[in-house]
Amino acid sequence: MALSYKARRRWSLVILLVGLPLYIILAVSVIGMFERPSILVELLVYVALGVIWAIPFRFVFRGVGQADPDARDEDGPKG
């Protein structure tokens, strides 16, 4: 089942405004449960977690920043 362009835009907004802050809070909380590692290890963990969160959602974000491919050109041909 493929999502329409509008559905992908809506889901990407929900993911960025709700899901990402929750993920950040969760990641910081989980890292805080352990003894604080060195700054380089901590940086690598946060960079890895920053990349990993987007992998399951890449199909939602793909092409969202471009114009709607299903929209009709209402201005007509330019020339």
N, C-alpha and C. Protein backbone atom coordinates (compact mmCIF):
# COMPACT_ATOMS: atom_id res chain seq x y z
N MET A 1 0.84 -1.17 0.00
CA MET A 1 0.00 0.00 0.00
C MET A 1 0.89 1.25 0.00
N ALA A 2 0.86 1.97 -1.07
CA ALA A 2 1.67 3.18 -1.19
C ALA A 2 0.90 4.39 -0.65
N LEU A 3 1.62 5.27 0.00
CA LEU A 3 1.02 6.48 0.53
C LEU A 3 0.98 7.55 -0.55
N SER A 4 -0.07 8.35 -0.55
CA SER A 4 -0.15 9.45 -1.48
C SER A 4 0.82 10.54 -1.05
N TYR A 5 1.02 11.49 -1.92
CA TYR A 5 1.94 12.58 -1.63
C TYR A 5 1.48 13.38 -0.40
N LYS A 6 0.18 13.68 -0.34
CA LYS A 6 -0.35 14.44 0.80
C LYS A 6 -0.24 13.66 2.10
N ALA A 7 -0.48 12.36 2.05
CA ALA A 7 -0.36 11.53 3.24
C ALA A 7 1.09 11.48 3.71
N ARG A 8 2.02 11.38 2.78
CA ARG A 8 3.44 11.37 3.16
C ARG A 8 3.84 12.70 3.79
N ARG A 9 3.31 13.81 3.25
CA ARG A 9 3.62 15.13 3.84
C ARG A 9 3.08 15.22 5.25
N ARG A 10 1.86 14.75 5.45
CA ARG A 10 1.26 14.80 6.79
C ARG A 10 2.02 13.91 7.76
N TRP A 11 2.34 12.69 7.35
CA TRP A 11 3.06 11.78 8.23
C TRP A 11 4.46 12.30 8.53
N SER A 12 5.11 12.92 7.57
CA SER A 12 6.45 13.46 7.83
C SER A 12 6.37 14.59 8.85
N LEU A 13 5.33 15.40 8.79
CA LEU A 13 5.16 16.47 9.77
C LEU A 13 4.92 15.89 11.16
N VAL A 14 4.09 14.87 11.26
CA VAL A 14 3.84 14.23 12.56
C VAL A 14 5.12 13.61 13.10
N ILE A 15 5.85 12.94 12.25
CA ILE A 15 7.10 12.30 12.68
C ILE A 15 8.10 13.33 13.19
N LEU A 16 8.22 14.45 12.47
CA LEU A 16 9.20 15.46 12.87
C LEU A 16 8.78 16.26 14.09
N LEU A 17 7.49 16.54 14.23
CA LEU A 17 7.03 17.38 15.34
C LEU A 17 6.72 16.59 16.61
N VAL A 18 6.35 15.34 16.49
CA VAL A 18 5.99 14.54 17.66
C VAL A 18 7.01 13.43 17.90
N GLY A 19 7.27 12.65 16.87
CA GLY A 19 8.13 11.48 17.03
C GLY A 19 9.58 11.80 17.32
N LEU A 20 10.13 12.77 16.63
CA LEU A 20 11.55 13.09 16.82
C LEU A 20 11.84 13.63 18.22
N PRO A 21 11.05 14.57 18.75
CA PRO A 21 11.32 14.99 20.13
C PRO A 21 11.19 13.85 21.14
N LEU A 22 10.21 12.96 20.94
CA LEU A 22 10.08 11.81 21.84
C LEU A 22 11.29 10.90 21.73
N TYR A 23 11.78 10.70 20.52
CA TYR A 23 12.97 9.87 20.30
C TYR A 23 14.19 10.50 20.97
N ILE A 24 14.33 11.81 20.89
CA ILE A 24 15.46 12.49 21.51
C ILE A 24 15.41 12.32 23.02
N ILE A 25 14.23 12.51 23.60
CA ILE A 25 14.08 12.34 25.05
C ILE A 25 14.41 10.91 25.46
N LEU A 26 13.93 9.95 24.69
CA LEU A 26 14.21 8.54 24.98
C LEU A 26 15.70 8.24 24.87
N ALA A 27 16.35 8.74 23.82
CA ALA A 27 17.77 8.47 23.63
C ALA A 27 18.61 9.07 24.76
N VAL A 28 18.30 10.31 25.15
CA VAL A 28 19.06 10.95 26.22
C VAL A 28 18.81 10.24 27.55
N SER A 29 17.58 9.79 27.77
CA SER A 29 17.26 9.07 29.00
C SER A 29 18.00 7.74 29.08
N VAL A 30 18.04 7.02 27.97
CA VAL A 30 18.73 5.72 27.96
C VAL A 30 20.23 5.92 28.16
N ILE A 31 20.82 6.90 27.51
CA ILE A 31 22.24 7.16 27.69
C ILE A 31 22.53 7.60 29.12
N GLY A 32 21.60 8.35 29.74
CA GLY A 32 21.78 8.83 31.10
C GLY A 32 21.70 7.73 32.15
N MET A 33 21.14 6.58 31.79
CA MET A 33 21.04 5.47 32.75
C MET A 33 22.41 4.83 33.02
N PHE A 34 23.33 5.00 32.11
CA PHE A 34 24.66 4.40 32.26
C PHE A 34 25.63 5.46 32.76
N GLU A 35 26.79 4.99 33.19
CA GLU A 35 27.84 5.92 33.57
C GLU A 35 28.26 6.70 32.33
N ARG A 36 28.49 7.97 32.47
CA ARG A 36 28.78 8.82 31.31
C ARG A 36 30.11 8.39 30.66
N PRO A 37 30.04 8.05 29.37
CA PRO A 37 31.28 7.66 28.67
C PRO A 37 32.09 8.90 28.30
N SER A 38 33.23 8.67 27.68
CA SER A 38 34.04 9.80 27.24
C SER A 38 33.26 10.60 26.19
N ILE A 39 33.66 11.80 25.99
CA ILE A 39 32.93 12.71 25.09
C ILE A 39 32.90 12.19 23.66
N LEU A 40 33.97 11.54 23.21
CA LEU A 40 33.99 11.01 21.84
C LEU A 40 33.04 9.83 21.68
N VAL A 41 32.99 8.96 22.67
CA VAL A 41 32.07 7.82 22.62
C VAL A 41 30.64 8.32 22.66
N GLU A 42 30.38 9.29 23.53
CA GLU A 42 29.04 9.86 23.62
C GLU A 42 28.63 10.53 22.31
N LEU A 43 29.55 11.24 21.70
CA LEU A 43 29.28 11.89 20.41
C LEU A 43 28.97 10.85 19.34
N LEU A 44 29.76 9.77 19.28
CA LEU A 44 29.51 8.72 18.30
C LEU A 44 28.14 8.05 18.51
N VAL A 45 27.76 7.85 19.77
CA VAL A 45 26.46 7.24 20.06
C VAL A 45 25.34 8.15 19.58
N TYR A 46 25.44 9.45 19.88
CA TYR A 46 24.39 10.38 19.46
C TYR A 46 24.33 10.54 17.94
N VAL A 47 25.48 10.52 17.28
CA VAL A 47 25.48 10.61 15.82
C VAL A 47 24.85 9.35 15.22
N ALA A 48 25.20 8.19 15.77
CA ALA A 48 24.61 6.94 15.27
C ALA A 48 23.09 6.93 15.50
N LEU A 49 22.65 7.34 16.69
CA LEU A 49 21.22 7.38 16.96
C LEU A 49 20.52 8.42 16.09
N GLY A 50 21.23 9.49 15.75
CA GLY A 50 20.66 10.52 14.89
C GLY A 50 20.44 10.05 13.47
N VAL A 51 21.22 9.08 13.03
CA VAL A 51 21.06 8.53 11.69
C VAL A 51 20.06 7.37 11.71
N ILE A 52 20.12 6.56 12.75
CA ILE A 52 19.30 5.35 12.82
C ILE A 52 17.80 5.66 12.86
N TRP A 53 17.39 6.77 13.50
CA TRP A 53 15.96 7.05 13.64
C TRP A 53 15.29 7.25 12.29
N ALA A 54 16.02 7.75 11.31
CA ALA A 54 15.42 8.09 10.02
C ALA A 54 15.32 6.91 9.07
N ILE A 55 16.06 5.86 9.29
CA ILE A 55 16.07 4.73 8.36
C ILE A 55 14.69 4.11 8.16
N PRO A 56 13.91 3.85 9.21
CA PRO A 56 12.58 3.26 8.96
C PRO A 56 11.61 4.21 8.28
N PHE A 57 11.89 5.51 8.32
CA PHE A 57 10.95 6.49 7.77
C PHE A 57 11.40 7.08 6.44
N ARG A 58 12.42 6.54 5.82
CA ARG A 58 12.93 7.15 4.60
C ARG A 58 11.92 7.13 3.47
N PHE A 59 11.03 6.11 3.43
CA PHE A 59 10.02 6.09 2.38
C PHE A 59 8.99 7.20 2.58
N VAL A 60 8.81 7.65 3.82
CA VAL A 60 7.86 8.75 4.08
C VAL A 60 8.47 10.07 3.64
N PHE A 61 9.74 10.27 3.91
CA PHE A 61 10.39 11.55 3.62
C PHE A 61 10.82 11.70 2.15
N ARG A 62 10.91 10.62 1.42
CA ARG A 62 11.41 10.67 0.05
C ARG A 62 10.48 11.50 -0.84
N GLY A 63 10.99 12.59 -1.40
CA GLY A 63 10.25 13.41 -2.35
C GLY A 63 9.28 14.39 -1.72
N VAL A 64 9.25 14.52 -0.40
CA VAL A 64 8.29 15.41 0.25
C VAL A 64 8.62 16.87 -0.01
N GLY A 65 9.85 17.22 -0.16
CA GLY A 65 10.24 18.60 -0.37
C GLY A 65 10.03 19.09 -1.79
N GLN A 66 9.62 18.22 -2.68
CA GLN A 66 9.42 18.60 -4.07
C GLN A 66 7.96 18.93 -4.31
N ALA A 67 7.67 19.43 -5.48
CA ALA A 67 6.29 19.77 -5.85
C ALA A 67 5.45 18.50 -5.94
N ASP A 68 4.15 18.65 -5.71
CA ASP A 68 3.22 17.53 -5.76
C ASP A 68 3.18 16.97 -7.19
N PRO A 69 3.55 15.71 -7.37
CA PRO A 69 3.56 15.15 -8.73
C PRO A 69 2.15 14.93 -9.27
N ASP A 70 1.14 14.89 -8.40
CA ASP A 70 -0.23 14.66 -8.85
C ASP A 70 -0.99 15.96 -9.12
N ALA A 71 -0.41 17.09 -8.78
CA ALA A 71 -1.09 18.37 -8.98
C ALA A 71 -1.10 18.73 -10.46
N ARG A 72 -2.24 19.28 -10.87
CA ARG A 72 -2.34 19.72 -12.26
C ARG A 72 -1.77 21.13 -12.38
N ASP A 73 -1.20 21.42 -13.51
CA ASP A 73 -0.66 22.75 -13.77
C ASP A 73 -1.83 23.65 -14.19
N GLU A 74 -2.30 24.50 -13.27
CA GLU A 74 -3.47 25.32 -13.53
C GLU A 74 -3.14 26.61 -14.27
N ASP A 75 -1.86 26.96 -14.35
CA ASP A 75 -1.47 28.19 -15.04
C ASP A 75 -1.42 28.00 -16.55
N GLY A 76 -1.39 26.78 -16.98
CA GLY A 76 -1.28 26.51 -18.40
C GLY A 76 0.16 26.58 -18.86
N PRO A 77 0.38 26.37 -20.12
CA PRO A 77 1.75 26.40 -20.63
C PRO A 77 2.31 27.83 -20.58
N LYS A 78 3.57 27.89 -20.27
CA LYS A 78 4.24 29.20 -20.24
C LYS A 78 4.98 29.41 -21.54
N GLY A 79 4.98 30.62 -21.97
CA GLY A 79 5.68 30.83 -23.23
C GLY A 79 5.70 32.18 -23.69
